[in-house]
Amino acid sequence: MEASWRFEYPKHVSFGCNQCSRCCGDTEYEVRHILLLKNDVERISKETLLEINNFSEEVTGSKPYIYEMRKTQNGKCFFLKNNLCTIYKIRPLICRFYPFQLRNFGNNNYSFSFTDRCPGIGMKPKLNEEFFESLFHQFMNAMERTQIP
């Protein structure tokens, strides 16, 4: 990681995915927006052989995300089947991050936060700096490949 980039992360948070798939669609409390980068939809299209507009639609006002995942009639992600992600190995960046978010404060300063609406928060061992560094590298790599129109 370049020395000029800095990120902060929650020091005492633990997390373990319990595969509830609550993050994969709407809940009784909120409508989920699974936002996608251009390279997310291109990768998914290439691997699944589906046209981009079959599983996503263009959105505005959420750059660098320019697509949103389509949902089934019950408000779940297009690729969620039997409570499992059918594209897990190629899942979008936003899915790799959940329940964490990365906020850009400018001047190359970033900060991770999380939502406690995820039942996996508080489970498993405490996360360390290496975990967040890995997420940060994924973000930086995605941003290098993302061309914002």
Protein backbone atom coordinates (compact mmCIF):
# COMPACT_ATOMS: atom_id res chain seq x y z
CA MET A 1 0.00 0.00 0.00
CA GLU A 2 1.28 3.45 -0.86
CA ALA A 3 2.46 5.40 2.18
CA SER A 4 0.35 8.38 1.08
CA TRP A 5 -2.93 6.48 1.66
CA ARG A 6 -4.29 6.23 5.19
CA PHE A 7 -7.28 4.40 6.55
CA GLU A 8 -8.82 4.02 9.96
CA TYR A 9 -10.81 0.99 11.02
CA PRO A 10 -12.89 -0.08 14.02
CA LYS A 11 -10.39 -1.60 16.45
CA HIS A 12 -12.72 -3.76 18.53
CA VAL A 13 -15.21 -5.19 16.05
CA SER A 14 -15.69 -8.87 15.44
CA PHE A 15 -17.54 -10.35 12.51
CA GLY A 16 -18.44 -13.71 11.07
CA CYS A 17 -20.88 -14.25 8.22
CA ASN A 18 -23.70 -16.58 9.28
CA GLN A 19 -25.06 -16.83 5.71
CA CYS A 20 -28.44 -15.33 6.60
CA SER A 21 -28.45 -13.45 3.24
CA ARG A 22 -30.09 -10.43 4.88
CA CYS A 23 -27.58 -8.27 2.99
CA CYS A 24 -28.72 -9.76 -0.32
CA GLY A 25 -32.06 -8.03 -0.56
CA ASP A 26 -34.80 -5.98 0.95
CA THR A 27 -35.84 -6.47 4.56
CA GLU A 28 -38.92 -5.35 6.43
CA TYR A 29 -36.91 -2.32 7.59
CA GLU A 30 -35.10 -1.19 4.46
CA VAL A 31 -34.76 -1.43 0.71
CA ARG A 32 -31.28 -2.60 -0.24
CA HIS A 33 -29.41 -1.11 -3.17
CA ILE A 34 -26.69 -3.46 -4.40
CA LEU A 35 -24.57 -0.98 -6.32
CA LEU A 36 -22.14 -2.12 -8.97
CA LEU A 37 -19.01 -0.76 -10.57
CA LYS A 38 -18.57 -0.95 -14.33
CA ASN A 39 -15.91 -3.62 -13.91
CA ASP A 40 -18.25 -5.59 -11.59
CA VAL A 41 -20.93 -5.89 -14.29
CA GLU A 42 -18.40 -6.61 -17.02
CA ARG A 43 -16.80 -9.41 -14.98
CA ILE A 44 -20.18 -10.89 -14.01
CA SER A 45 -21.42 -10.69 -17.61
CA LYS A 46 -18.29 -12.39 -18.92
CA GLU A 47 -18.40 -15.21 -16.36
CA THR A 48 -22.17 -15.86 -16.45
CA LEU A 49 -22.62 -15.20 -20.19
CA LEU A 50 -25.56 -12.92 -19.33
CA GLU A 51 -26.11 -9.53 -20.91
CA ILE A 52 -25.48 -6.72 -18.41
CA ASN A 53 -29.05 -5.46 -18.62
CA ASN A 54 -30.38 -8.93 -17.68
CA PHE A 55 -29.07 -8.61 -14.11
CA SER A 56 -28.49 -4.89 -13.60
CA GLU A 57 -29.71 -1.46 -14.53
CA GLU A 58 -27.90 1.84 -14.87
CA VAL A 59 -28.21 4.37 -12.04
CA THR A 60 -27.10 7.95 -11.58
CA GLY A 61 -25.91 9.86 -8.55
CA SER A 62 -23.90 7.07 -6.93
CA LYS A 63 -20.49 7.34 -8.63
CA PRO A 64 -18.26 5.40 -8.88
CA TYR A 65 -21.16 2.92 -8.86
CA ILE A 66 -23.09 3.23 -12.11
CA TYR A 67 -25.29 0.11 -12.00
CA GLU A 68 -27.63 -1.49 -9.52
CA MET A 69 -28.32 -5.20 -9.23
CA ARG A 70 -31.77 -6.28 -10.35
CA LYS A 71 -33.90 -8.07 -7.78
CA THR A 72 -36.36 -10.92 -7.91
CA GLN A 73 -40.05 -10.40 -7.16
CA ASN A 74 -39.39 -11.02 -3.47
CA GLY A 75 -36.77 -8.25 -3.36
CA LYS A 76 -33.69 -10.48 -3.29
CA CYS A 77 -30.56 -10.25 -5.42
CA PHE A 78 -30.86 -11.63 -8.93
CA PHE A 79 -28.06 -14.13 -8.16
CA LEU A 80 -29.36 -15.39 -4.79
CA LYS A 81 -30.71 -18.93 -5.07
CA ASN A 82 -31.74 -21.05 -2.07
CA ASN A 83 -30.19 -18.43 0.21
CA LEU A 84 -26.78 -18.83 -1.47
CA CYS A 85 -24.89 -16.51 -3.79
CA THR A 86 -24.45 -18.18 -7.18
CA ILE A 87 -21.64 -15.76 -8.15
CA TYR A 88 -19.80 -15.73 -4.82
CA LYS A 89 -16.30 -16.01 -6.32
CA ILE A 90 -16.96 -13.06 -8.64
CA ARG A 91 -19.33 -11.11 -6.39
CA PRO A 92 -19.31 -7.30 -6.61
CA LEU A 93 -17.03 -5.14 -4.48
CA ILE A 94 -19.94 -3.85 -2.39
CA CYS A 95 -20.80 -7.46 -1.46
CA ARG A 96 -17.19 -8.20 -0.54
CA PHE A 97 -17.26 -5.25 1.86
CA TYR A 98 -20.59 -5.83 3.61
CA PRO A 99 -21.24 -5.10 6.50
CA PHE A 100 -18.38 -2.61 6.21
CA GLN A 101 -18.25 0.65 4.29
CA LEU A 102 -15.29 2.79 3.34
CA ARG A 103 -15.66 6.54 3.45
CA ASN A 104 -13.31 8.92 1.68
CA PHE A 105 -12.53 12.02 3.76
CA GLY A 106 -10.29 13.55 1.06
CA ASN A 107 -6.53 14.03 1.10
CA ASN A 108 -6.12 10.23 0.80
CA ASN A 109 -7.75 9.65 4.22
CA TYR A 110 -10.30 6.86 4.47
CA SER A 111 -12.28 5.36 7.31
CA PHE A 112 -14.10 2.04 7.65
CA SER A 113 -17.42 1.85 9.44
CA PHE A 114 -19.97 -0.93 9.79
CA THR A 115 -23.67 -1.50 10.21
CA ASP A 116 -24.92 -3.33 13.25
CA ARG A 117 -27.98 -4.46 11.26
CA CYS A 118 -25.87 -7.42 10.17
CA PRO A 119 -26.32 -10.29 12.64
CA GLY A 120 -22.71 -11.36 11.97
CA ILE A 121 -21.36 -8.32 13.81
CA GLY A 122 -20.19 -9.45 17.23
CA MET A 123 -19.66 -13.03 16.10
CA LYS A 124 -16.36 -14.85 15.62
CA PRO A 125 -12.97 -13.41 16.55
CA LYS A 126 -12.07 -9.74 16.56
CA LEU A 127 -10.91 -8.45 13.18
CA ASN A 128 -7.38 -7.13 12.82
CA GLU A 129 -5.68 -4.53 10.70
CA GLU A 130 -4.74 -7.12 8.06
CA PHE A 131 -8.43 -7.84 7.41
CA PHE A 132 -9.15 -4.16 6.73
CA GLU A 133 -5.93 -3.75 4.76
CA SER A 134 -7.08 -6.56 2.47
CA LEU A 135 -10.44 -4.83 1.95
CA PHE A 136 -8.65 -1.54 1.31
CA HIS A 137 -6.42 -3.16 -1.33
CA GLN A 138 -9.49 -4.62 -3.04
CA PHE A 139 -11.01 -1.14 -3.09
CA MET A 140 -7.86 0.48 -4.48
CA ASN A 141 -7.51 -2.20 -7.17
CA ALA A 142 -11.14 -1.76 -8.18
CA MET A 143 -10.77 2.02 -8.36
CA GLU A 144 -7.68 1.66 -10.57
CA ARG A 145 -9.73 -0.44 -13.00
CA THR A 146 -12.83 1.77 -12.82
CA GLN A 147 -13.23 4.45 -15.41
CA ILE A 148 -15.92 6.89 -14.40
CA PRO A 149 -17.71 8.45 -17.38
